[in-house]
Amino acid sequence: MSMSRASRSQERLVVVGGDAAGMSAASQARRLKGPDELEIVAFERGHFTSYSACGIPYWVGGDVEDRDQLIARSPEEHRARGIDLRMRTEVTELDVAGGRVRSRDLESGAEAWTSYDKLVLATGAHPMRPSLPGIDAPGVHGVQTLDDGQALLDTLARTAGRRAVVIGAGYIGVEMAEALINRGYEVTVVNRGQEPMSTLDPDMGRLVHEAMEGLGITMVNDAEVTKILTGEDGRVRAVATEDAEYPADVVVLGIGVRPETALAGAAGLPLGDHKGLLTDLAMRVRGHENIWAGGDCVEVLDLVSGRERHIALGTHANKHGQVIGANVGGGYATFPGVVGTAVSKVCDLEIARTGLREKDARRAGLRFETVIIESTSRAGYYPGADPMKVKMLAERRTGRLLGVQIVGREGAAKRVDIAAVALTACMTVEQMTALDLGYAPPFSPVWDPILVAARKAVTAVRAGSTL
């Protein structure tokens, strides 16, 4: 039994989860308060801390040679900073009324209670695993943690066959499909959506589809997986839909992730529509003065639609951790929300989006105009000028920017950051046309593609306002 709160001279912060949000919070709190003021105990059930989950597809695909390149800070480094980090230790119960957590050492099986004055929940997310026959068969892998990535690589190393099926075509599904192609596998992607990358509108997703087929990936859209078929050895041998079977020596789940909030829910903490924890602007769990939460286990405010949403990205997780650590350490910080910016790639095709898709805008009850333009990454006469397509949504009458999607080659994706800033500032498309963006022929046409789209959106808004 751990020392009670009443018998300790300093406060104790307990952190559940040792990746981006949890250890950022712990580190920031330690910067503000020394060990004599604040004891910090962190629990992590895996083998690694403070790593880039977003880099796992590039490690699996061979672009990143060594797993440790994805680790920002090791457990030993955290301990050297005065954080009592307990690896391979899973928190199994939260006693909110008693201010304590129950943990189990995954190596020894020993259990113990640890009391806290302040608690940070950074339990992350888990890959969706649909309830299908065979879904737990050897050879079927989700990819969310470094442990998951290592397990997949181990399977690839000992599997003789070279056929892979990826279920789902979101960011992870698309990136893992390319990673497996890079490893010499025949890859089929089974996707229940109309086109890959459901975070894009289907007309933009079609461009991703074409690029994936150009890589040699077989795309199967509008298809629902019904079961995972196994061989006599119990290992996966195929993925079945209602219409066909696709042979597989390995299966990767790229369906998306869900917040890991079973503990929080069992403890009665508030969850949103996406089953993520609900917090205030200071990342404090609503209705609980001494509990904070951040990272992939929370829902955040979408600044464009005004609704809560779940976005699992390391950028947000690190910001959440910084905000939590500042508040736990006696300072003050807030996380106002997101606009939904994300980038990815398929081979040399860059994919970017921010703000709302058409269906998001309709769901929010907004009336809007949509424009699509084609431009180039550089001045048309400059070597290496590659085509790109930009789709822009603007609110009817007001002209407020609602969303941007970009698909193109080198230099396309990071242009979405211009739109992300404009969304955060609630700019209109007309205001955007006057933005003083950098120009030189090696970097942009004289009218940047974002500005070309904004000019066309202005015209559409004016025309729509007369209806």
Protein backbone atom coordinates (compact mmCIF):
# COMPACT_ATOMS: atom_id res chain seq x y z
CA MET A 1 0.00 0.00 0.00
CA SER A 2 1.38 3.40 -0.94
CA MET A 3 1.84 6.28 1.47
CA SER A 4 -1.42 8.18 2.06
CA ARG A 5 -1.86 11.77 0.97
CA ALA A 6 -2.16 12.98 4.54
CA SER A 7 1.29 11.63 5.49
CA ARG A 8 3.19 13.19 2.57
CA SER A 9 4.75 16.65 2.71
CA GLN A 10 4.74 17.28 -1.04
CA GLU A 11 2.02 16.83 -3.66
CA ARG A 12 1.99 13.76 -5.86
CA LEU A 13 1.14 13.83 -9.54
CA VAL A 14 0.22 10.51 -11.12
CA VAL A 15 0.39 10.19 -14.90
CA VAL A 16 -1.29 7.29 -16.70
CA GLY A 17 0.35 6.81 -20.10
CA GLY A 18 3.99 7.39 -21.04
CA ASP A 19 3.85 8.77 -24.55
CA ALA A 20 3.48 12.29 -25.97
CA ALA A 21 0.77 13.87 -23.81
CA GLY A 22 1.61 12.12 -20.56
CA MET A 23 5.36 12.65 -20.56
CA SER A 24 5.09 16.18 -21.96
CA ALA A 25 2.82 16.98 -19.02
CA ALA A 26 5.18 15.32 -16.55
CA SER A 27 8.24 17.08 -17.99
CA GLN A 28 6.59 20.50 -18.05
CA ALA A 29 5.33 20.08 -14.48
CA ARG A 30 8.85 19.07 -13.39
CA ARG A 31 10.31 22.23 -14.98
CA LEU A 32 7.96 24.34 -12.89
CA LYS A 33 8.17 22.39 -9.63
CA GLY A 34 11.13 20.54 -8.15
CA PRO A 35 11.04 17.09 -6.51
CA ASP A 36 10.71 18.63 -3.04
CA GLU A 37 7.43 20.29 -4.11
CA LEU A 38 5.97 17.74 -6.51
CA GLU A 39 6.49 14.00 -6.69
CA ILE A 40 5.72 12.61 -10.16
CA VAL A 41 4.83 8.96 -10.73
CA ALA A 42 4.10 7.80 -14.30
CA PHE A 43 2.80 4.43 -15.45
CA GLU A 44 3.37 2.99 -18.94
CA ARG A 45 2.22 -0.51 -19.89
CA GLY A 46 4.42 -0.76 -23.00
CA HIS A 47 8.16 -1.00 -23.54
CA PHE A 48 8.70 2.57 -24.84
CA THR A 49 8.07 6.20 -23.92
CA SER A 50 7.90 9.51 -25.78
CA TYR A 51 7.96 8.10 -29.29
CA SER A 52 6.55 9.09 -32.66
CA ALA A 53 3.65 6.79 -33.50
CA CYS A 54 3.23 8.76 -36.73
CA GLY A 55 6.64 7.47 -37.82
CA ILE A 56 5.77 3.77 -37.51
CA PRO A 57 4.72 3.29 -41.18
CA TYR A 58 8.04 4.80 -42.31
CA TRP A 59 9.95 2.48 -39.96
CA VAL A 60 8.01 -0.55 -41.22
CA GLY A 61 8.59 0.57 -44.82
CA GLY A 62 12.33 1.04 -44.31
CA ASP A 63 12.52 4.83 -44.69
CA VAL A 64 13.50 4.99 -41.02
CA GLU A 65 16.21 2.40 -40.41
CA ASP A 66 16.14 2.03 -36.66
CA ARG A 67 13.24 1.93 -34.21
CA ASP A 68 15.12 4.05 -31.69
CA GLN A 69 15.15 6.95 -34.14
CA LEU A 70 11.45 7.35 -33.34
CA ILE A 71 12.08 7.69 -29.59
CA ALA A 72 12.42 11.27 -28.38
CA ARG A 73 13.25 10.44 -24.76
CA SER A 74 13.98 7.10 -23.09
CA PRO A 75 12.67 5.96 -19.69
CA GLU A 76 16.16 6.50 -18.24
CA GLU A 77 16.19 10.10 -19.43
CA HIS A 78 12.81 10.75 -17.80
CA ARG A 79 13.98 9.18 -14.55
CA ALA A 80 17.11 11.33 -14.60
CA ARG A 81 14.79 14.36 -14.59
CA GLY A 82 13.13 13.27 -11.37
CA ILE A 83 10.14 11.36 -12.75
CA ASP A 84 9.36 7.98 -11.19
CA LEU A 85 8.51 6.20 -14.44
CA ARG A 86 7.26 2.64 -14.04
CA MET A 87 7.43 0.71 -17.30
CA ARG A 88 5.44 -2.41 -18.17
CA THR A 89 2.97 -1.37 -15.49
CA GLU A 90 -0.71 -1.10 -16.39
CA VAL A 91 -3.23 0.96 -14.46
CA THR A 92 -6.28 -1.26 -14.04
CA GLU A 93 -8.61 0.88 -11.91
CA LEU A 94 -9.25 4.52 -11.04
CA ASP A 95 -10.68 5.30 -7.60
CA VAL A 96 -11.67 8.91 -8.13
CA ALA A 97 -13.40 9.29 -4.76
CA GLY A 98 -10.36 7.89 -2.94
CA GLY A 99 -7.80 9.73 -5.08
CA ARG A 100 -5.82 6.64 -6.04
CA VAL A 101 -5.08 4.27 -8.93
CA ARG A 102 -4.55 0.52 -8.92
CA SER A 103 -1.67 -0.78 -11.06
CA ARG A 104 -0.36 -4.20 -12.09
CA ASP A 105 3.24 -5.04 -12.96
CA LEU A 106 2.91 -6.94 -16.24
CA GLU A 107 6.10 -8.92 -15.60
CA SER A 108 5.51 -10.05 -12.01
CA GLY A 109 1.74 -9.69 -11.74
CA ALA A 110 2.10 -7.70 -8.51
CA GLU A 111 -0.65 -5.15 -7.84
CA ALA A 112 -0.58 -1.97 -5.78
CA TRP A 113 -2.57 1.20 -5.09
CA THR A 114 -0.93 4.60 -5.56
CA SER A 115 -2.57 7.72 -4.18
CA TYR A 116 -2.51 11.04 -6.00
CA ASP A 117 -3.23 14.70 -5.41
CA LYS A 118 -3.36 15.39 -9.14
CA LEU A 119 -4.01 12.91 -11.93
CA VAL A 120 -3.24 13.07 -15.65
CA LEU A 121 -4.92 10.60 -17.99
CA ALA A 122 -3.00 10.12 -21.24
CA THR A 123 -4.13 6.62 -22.13
CA GLY A 124 -4.07 7.21 -25.89
CA ALA A 125 -6.16 5.30 -28.41
CA HIS A 126 -6.41 1.75 -29.71
CA PRO A 127 -6.84 0.49 -33.28
CA MET A 128 -10.39 -0.41 -34.19
CA ARG A 129 -10.82 -4.17 -34.37
CA PRO A 130 -14.25 -5.00 -35.77
CA SER A 131 -16.01 -8.04 -34.32
CA LEU A 132 -15.31 -10.37 -37.22
CA PRO A 133 -14.59 -14.09 -37.30
CA GLY A 134 -10.81 -14.56 -37.31
CA ILE A 135 -9.97 -10.97 -36.36
CA ASP A 136 -7.67 -12.17 -33.56
CA ALA A 137 -5.85 -14.74 -35.68
CA PRO A 138 -2.03 -14.67 -35.80
CA GLY A 139 -0.93 -12.44 -38.65
CA VAL A 140 -3.60 -9.77 -38.10
CA HIS A 141 -2.06 -6.54 -36.80
CA GLY A 142 -3.18 -3.14 -35.60
CA VAL A 143 -0.52 -0.44 -35.72
CA GLN A 144 -0.72 2.18 -32.98
CA THR A 145 2.32 1.76 -30.72
CA LEU A 146 5.98 0.87 -31.16
CA ASP A 147 5.14 -2.52 -29.67
CA ASP A 148 2.56 -2.96 -32.44
CA GLY A 149 5.11 -1.95 -35.07
CA GLN A 150 7.69 -4.38 -33.71
CA ALA A 151 5.12 -7.20 -33.67
CA LEU A 152 4.27 -6.51 -37.32
CA LEU A 153 7.94 -6.49 -38.33
CA ASP A 154 8.47 -9.77 -36.48
CA THR A 155 5.57 -11.29 -38.43
CA LEU A 156 6.95 -10.02 -41.74
CA ALA A 157 10.36 -11.50 -40.91
CA ARG A 158 9.04 -15.00 -40.24
CA THR A 159 6.30 -15.16 -42.88
CA ALA A 160 7.29 -16.81 -46.15
CA GLY A 161 4.39 -15.44 -48.24
CA ARG A 162 4.44 -11.97 -49.80
CA ARG A 163 0.74 -11.11 -49.91
CA ALA A 164 -0.68 -8.42 -47.67
CA VAL A 165 -4.19 -7.05 -47.21
CA VAL A 166 -4.78 -3.71 -45.54
CA ILE A 167 -8.29 -3.19 -44.18
CA GLY A 168 -9.22 0.47 -44.35
CA ALA A 169 -7.85 3.37 -46.36
CA GLY A 170 -7.45 6.22 -43.90
CA TYR A 171 -4.07 7.75 -43.11
CA ILE A 172 -2.67 4.64 -41.43
CA GLY A 173 -4.12 2.31 -44.06
CA VAL A 174 -2.70 4.28 -46.97
CA GLU A 175 0.71 4.75 -45.32
CA MET A 176 0.94 1.09 -44.34
CA ALA A 177 -0.01 0.00 -47.86
CA GLU A 178 2.92 1.99 -49.24
CA ALA A 179 5.22 0.63 -46.51
CA LEU A 180 4.34 -2.94 -47.46
CA ILE A 181 4.83 -2.22 -51.17
CA ASN A 182 8.28 -0.89 -50.27
CA ARG A 183 8.99 -4.22 -48.57
CA GLY A 184 8.14 -6.13 -51.73
CA TYR A 185 4.65 -7.30 -50.84
CA GLU A 186 1.66 -7.63 -53.14
CA VAL A 187 -0.79 -5.30 -51.44
CA THR A 188 -4.58 -5.15 -51.61
CA VAL A 189 -6.47 -2.45 -49.75
CA VAL A 190 -10.09 -3.24 -48.87
CA ASN A 191 -12.00 -0.06 -48.17
CA ARG A 192 -15.67 0.32 -47.35
CA GLY A 193 -15.69 3.94 -48.52
CA GLN A 194 -16.27 5.27 -51.99
CA GLU A 195 -12.62 6.33 -52.26
CA PRO A 196 -9.54 6.14 -50.01
CA MET A 197 -8.84 8.90 -47.49
CA SER A 198 -12.32 9.55 -46.13
CA THR A 199 -10.97 12.75 -44.54
CA LEU A 200 -11.11 14.13 -48.09
CA ASP A 201 -14.18 14.57 -50.26
CA PRO A 202 -14.52 11.65 -52.72
CA ASP A 203 -13.52 13.74 -55.74
CA MET A 204 -10.17 14.49 -54.09
CA GLY A 205 -9.88 10.95 -52.73
CA ARG A 206 -10.06 9.71 -56.32
CA LEU A 207 -6.67 11.30 -56.97
CA VAL A 208 -5.23 9.28 -54.09
CA HIS A 209 -6.84 6.13 -55.51
CA GLU A 210 -5.12 6.68 -58.85
CA ALA A 211 -1.75 7.25 -57.16
CA MET A 212 -2.10 4.06 -55.11
CA GLU A 213 -2.88 2.02 -58.20
CA GLY A 214 0.16 3.64 -59.84
CA LEU A 215 2.26 2.13 -57.06
CA GLY A 216 0.88 -1.32 -57.84
CA ILE A 217 -1.59 -1.39 -54.94
CA THR A 218 -4.91 -3.10 -55.70
CA MET A 219 -7.74 -0.88 -54.44
CA VAL A 220 -11.09 -2.47 -53.56
CA ASN A 221 -13.59 0.27 -52.66
CA ASP A 222 -17.21 0.04 -51.48
CA ALA A 223 -16.39 -3.33 -49.91
CA GLU A 224 -17.19 -4.53 -46.39
CA VAL A 225 -14.97 -7.20 -44.82
CA THR A 226 -17.11 -10.05 -43.48
CA LYS A 227 -14.49 -12.41 -42.03
CA ILE A 228 -10.81 -13.25 -41.74
CA LEU A 229 -10.16 -16.73 -43.08
CA THR A 230 -7.52 -18.91 -41.45
CA GLY A 231 -5.57 -21.98 -42.51
CA GLU A 232 -5.08 -25.30 -40.74
CA ASP A 233 -2.29 -23.73 -38.68
CA GLY A 234 -4.71 -21.10 -37.39
CA ARG A 235 -2.90 -18.23 -39.14
CA VAL A 236 -4.58 -15.78 -41.47
CA ARG A 237 -4.84 -16.92 -45.09
CA ALA A 238 -7.38 -14.53 -46.66
CA VAL A 239 -9.75 -11.63 -46.13
CA ALA A 240 -13.33 -12.17 -47.26
CA THR A 241 -15.98 -9.70 -48.38
CA GLU A 242 -19.49 -10.53 -49.54
CA ASP A 243 -18.25 -10.80 -53.13
CA ALA A 244 -14.68 -12.11 -53.02
CA GLU A 245 -11.72 -13.48 -51.07
CA TYR A 246 -8.31 -11.81 -51.06
CA PRO A 247 -5.34 -14.06 -50.18
CA ALA A 248 -3.24 -12.73 -47.32
CA ASP A 249 -0.13 -13.83 -45.46
CA VAL A 250 -0.43 -10.75 -43.26
CA VAL A 251 -3.31 -8.37 -42.54
CA VAL A 252 -2.96 -4.81 -41.27
CA LEU A 253 -5.89 -2.93 -39.74
CA GLY A 254 -6.06 0.65 -40.97
CA ILE A 255 -9.64 1.36 -40.00
CA GLY A 256 -8.81 4.09 -37.53
CA VAL A 257 -8.56 4.36 -33.76
CA ARG A 258 -10.84 4.89 -30.79
CA PRO A 259 -10.03 6.70 -27.55
CA GLU A 260 -8.69 4.35 -24.85
CA THR A 261 -11.17 5.40 -22.17
CA ALA A 262 -12.49 2.18 -20.65
CA LEU A 263 -10.84 3.03 -17.31
CA ALA A 264 -12.18 6.57 -17.34
CA GLY A 265 -15.67 5.44 -18.28
CA ALA A 266 -15.71 2.81 -15.54
CA ALA A 267 -14.72 5.52 -13.06
CA GLY A 268 -17.64 7.71 -14.14
CA LEU A 269 -15.61 10.40 -15.88
CA PRO A 270 -17.46 12.31 -18.65
CA LEU A 271 -17.14 10.97 -22.20
CA GLY A 272 -18.31 12.55 -25.44
CA ASP A 273 -20.08 11.18 -28.50
CA HIS A 274 -16.80 9.69 -29.77
CA LYS A 275 -16.10 8.10 -26.35
CA GLY A 276 -13.26 10.52 -25.69
CA LEU A 277 -12.83 12.32 -22.37
CA LEU A 278 -14.34 15.79 -22.18
CA THR A 279 -12.19 18.59 -20.80
CA ASP A 280 -12.30 22.33 -20.36
CA LEU A 281 -9.91 24.75 -22.07
CA ALA A 282 -7.24 24.04 -19.45
CA MET A 283 -7.49 20.30 -20.32
CA ARG A 284 -9.04 19.60 -16.92
CA VAL A 285 -11.63 16.81 -17.02
CA ARG A 286 -15.02 18.46 -16.73
CA GLY A 287 -16.37 18.40 -13.20
CA HIS A 288 -13.10 17.20 -11.64
CA GLU A 289 -10.78 19.79 -10.16
CA ASN A 290 -7.65 17.62 -9.86
CA ILE A 291 -7.88 15.42 -12.98
CA TRP A 292 -6.54 16.39 -16.40
CA ALA A 293 -6.56 14.50 -19.69
CA GLY A 294 -4.84 14.91 -23.04
CA GLY A 295 -3.73 13.23 -26.24
CA ASP A 296 -5.62 10.61 -28.20
CA CYS A 297 -7.99 9.82 -25.32
CA VAL A 298 -9.77 13.20 -25.39
CA GLU A 299 -12.21 15.03 -27.62
CA VAL A 300 -11.37 18.56 -28.69
CA LEU A 301 -13.32 21.55 -29.95
CA ASP A 302 -13.45 22.01 -33.71
CA LEU A 303 -13.08 25.77 -34.13
CA VAL A 304 -14.77 25.74 -37.54
CA SER A 305 -17.90 23.70 -36.82
CA GLY A 306 -18.12 24.43 -33.10
CA ARG A 307 -18.51 20.73 -32.32
CA GLU A 308 -16.42 18.27 -30.33
CA ARG A 309 -14.38 15.78 -32.35
CA HIS A 310 -11.72 13.11 -31.85
CA ILE A 311 -8.41 13.64 -33.65
CA ALA A 312 -5.49 11.35 -32.87
CA LEU A 313 -2.36 13.33 -33.75
CA GLY A 314 0.96 13.73 -32.00
CA THR A 315 0.95 17.48 -32.60
CA HIS A 316 -2.17 17.91 -30.47
CA ALA A 317 -0.97 15.42 -27.85
CA ASN A 318 2.25 17.34 -27.24
CA LYS A 319 0.38 20.63 -26.98
CA HIS A 320 -2.10 19.09 -24.55
CA GLY A 321 0.79 17.86 -22.43
CA GLN A 322 2.41 21.29 -22.33
CA VAL A 323 -0.89 22.88 -21.28
CA ILE A 324 -1.56 20.25 -18.61
CA GLY A 325 1.98 20.45 -17.24
CA ALA A 326 1.78 24.21 -16.97
CA ASN A 327 -1.49 24.05 -15.04
CA VAL A 328 -0.40 21.19 -12.80
CA GLY A 329 2.85 23.01 -12.09
CA GLY A 330 1.13 26.14 -10.88
CA GLY A 331 1.10 28.14 -14.12
CA TYR A 332 -1.72 28.76 -16.56
CA ALA A 333 -2.30 27.68 -20.14
CA THR A 334 -5.20 26.72 -22.40
CA PHE A 335 -5.81 24.66 -25.52
CA PRO A 336 -8.49 26.49 -27.54
CA GLY A 337 -9.20 23.80 -30.12
CA VAL A 338 -8.29 22.61 -33.62
CA VAL A 339 -9.21 23.22 -37.23
CA GLY A 340 -8.50 19.66 -38.35
CA THR A 341 -5.24 19.97 -40.26
CA ALA A 342 -3.52 16.83 -41.51
CA VAL A 343 -1.00 15.87 -44.21
CA SER A 344 0.17 12.58 -45.67
CA LYS A 345 1.64 11.14 -48.85
CA VAL A 346 1.48 8.22 -51.25
CA CYS A 347 4.86 7.87 -52.93
CA ASP A 348 5.45 11.40 -54.26
CA LEU A 349 1.76 12.41 -54.12
CA GLU A 350 1.17 14.81 -51.23
CA ILE A 351 -2.22 14.96 -49.51
CA ALA A 352 -3.43 17.73 -47.19
CA ARG A 353 -6.64 18.90 -45.63
CA THR A 354 -7.89 21.36 -43.03
CA GLY A 355 -11.29 22.54 -41.88
CA LEU A 356 -14.53 20.99 -43.07
CA ARG A 357 -15.36 18.60 -45.89
CA GLU A 358 -18.62 19.09 -47.76
CA LYS A 359 -20.46 16.56 -45.58
CA ASP A 360 -19.06 18.16 -42.42
CA ALA A 361 -20.39 21.55 -43.49
CA ARG A 362 -23.80 20.09 -44.29
CA ARG A 363 -23.90 18.27 -40.95
CA ALA A 364 -23.14 21.54 -39.20
CA GLY A 365 -26.05 23.21 -41.00
CA LEU A 366 -23.84 25.53 -43.05
CA ARG A 367 -24.59 26.75 -46.56
CA PHE A 368 -21.44 27.00 -48.62
CA GLU A 369 -19.82 27.37 -52.02
CA THR A 370 -17.19 24.95 -53.36
CA VAL A 371 -14.45 25.67 -55.89
CA ILE A 372 -11.66 23.53 -57.33
CA ILE A 373 -8.62 24.92 -59.13
CA GLU A 374 -5.57 23.39 -60.78
CA SER A 375 -2.23 25.12 -60.49
CA THR A 376 1.46 24.31 -60.13
CA SER A 377 3.90 24.20 -57.23
CA ARG A 378 6.29 26.64 -58.94
CA ALA A 379 6.20 29.09 -61.81
CA GLY A 380 5.12 27.11 -64.85
CA TYR A 381 8.36 27.81 -66.72
CA TYR A 382 10.60 26.80 -63.81
CA PRO A 383 11.98 23.22 -63.81
CA GLY A 384 10.09 20.87 -61.52
CA ALA A 385 6.78 22.71 -61.62
CA ASP A 386 4.33 19.96 -60.65
CA PRO A 387 0.54 20.14 -60.87
CA MET A 388 -1.67 20.38 -57.81
CA LYS A 389 -5.38 20.53 -57.21
CA VAL A 390 -6.90 22.73 -54.50
CA LYS A 391 -10.48 22.46 -53.28
CA MET A 392 -11.87 25.27 -51.13
CA LEU A 393 -15.13 25.66 -49.21
CA ALA A 394 -16.46 29.09 -48.21
CA GLU A 395 -19.60 30.00 -46.31
CA ARG A 396 -22.33 31.52 -48.46
CA ARG A 397 -22.97 35.22 -47.88
CA THR A 398 -20.22 35.75 -45.29
CA GLY A 399 -17.42 34.26 -47.40
CA ARG A 400 -15.82 32.75 -44.28
CA LEU A 401 -13.29 30.08 -45.17
CA LEU A 402 -14.59 26.65 -44.13
CA GLY A 403 -12.08 24.16 -45.49
CA VAL A 404 -9.28 23.37 -47.93
CA GLN A 405 -8.07 20.12 -49.48
CA ILE A 406 -4.90 19.84 -51.55
CA VAL A 407 -3.53 16.97 -53.61
CA GLY A 408 -0.34 17.39 -55.62
CA ARG A 409 3.36 16.70 -55.87
CA GLU A 410 6.36 18.32 -54.16
CA GLY A 411 5.50 21.54 -52.38
CA ALA A 412 1.75 20.92 -52.29
CA ALA A 413 0.95 19.62 -48.81
CA LYS A 414 2.47 22.24 -46.55
CA ARG A 415 0.52 24.96 -48.35
CA VAL A 416 -2.38 23.78 -46.24
CA ASP A 417 -0.77 25.61 -43.30
CA ILE A 418 -1.78 28.91 -44.92
CA ALA A 419 -5.38 27.77 -44.86
CA ALA A 420 -5.05 26.47 -41.27
CA VAL A 421 -3.94 29.91 -40.09
CA ALA A 422 -6.74 31.56 -42.07
CA LEU A 423 -9.30 29.22 -40.49
CA THR A 424 -7.97 29.90 -37.00
CA ALA A 425 -8.21 33.64 -37.66
CA CYS A 426 -11.76 33.25 -39.07
CA MET A 427 -10.69 34.94 -42.29
CA THR A 428 -12.93 35.32 -45.31
CA VAL A 429 -11.78 34.19 -48.72
CA GLU A 430 -11.76 37.80 -49.82
CA GLN A 431 -9.35 38.68 -47.02
CA MET A 432 -7.18 35.75 -48.05
CA THR A 433 -6.71 37.11 -51.57
CA ALA A 434 -4.66 39.97 -50.08
CA LEU A 435 -2.30 37.74 -48.07
CA ASP A 436 1.34 38.70 -48.58
CA LEU A 437 2.76 35.25 -49.32
CA GLY A 438 6.34 34.57 -50.32
CA TYR A 439 6.99 34.46 -54.05
CA ALA A 440 9.87 33.47 -56.28
CA PRO A 441 9.68 31.21 -59.35
CA PRO A 442 11.37 28.22 -57.62
CA PHE A 443 8.72 28.27 -54.86
CA SER A 444 5.42 29.41 -56.33
CA PRO A 445 3.60 30.91 -59.30
CA VAL A 446 3.09 34.65 -58.98
CA TRP A 447 -0.40 33.81 -57.71
CA ASP A 448 0.01 31.03 -55.15
CA PRO A 449 -2.47 28.15 -55.65
CA ILE A 450 -4.14 28.99 -52.33
CA LEU A 451 -4.73 32.54 -53.53
CA VAL A 452 -6.02 31.35 -56.90
CA ALA A 453 -8.57 29.19 -55.07
CA ALA A 454 -9.49 32.08 -52.77
CA ARG A 455 -10.09 34.38 -55.73
CA LYS A 456 -12.34 31.81 -57.38
CA ALA A 457 -14.17 31.31 -54.06
CA VAL A 458 -14.80 35.06 -53.81
CA THR A 459 -16.50 34.96 -57.19
CA ALA A 460 -18.58 31.92 -56.17
CA VAL A 461 -19.66 33.54 -52.89
CA ARG A 462 -20.72 36.72 -54.67
CA ALA A 463 -22.69 34.75 -57.23
CA GLY A 464 -24.27 32.59 -54.54
CA SER A 465 -25.27 35.59 -52.47
CA THR A 466 -27.51 36.82 -55.29
CA LEU A 467 -29.54 33.61 -55.29
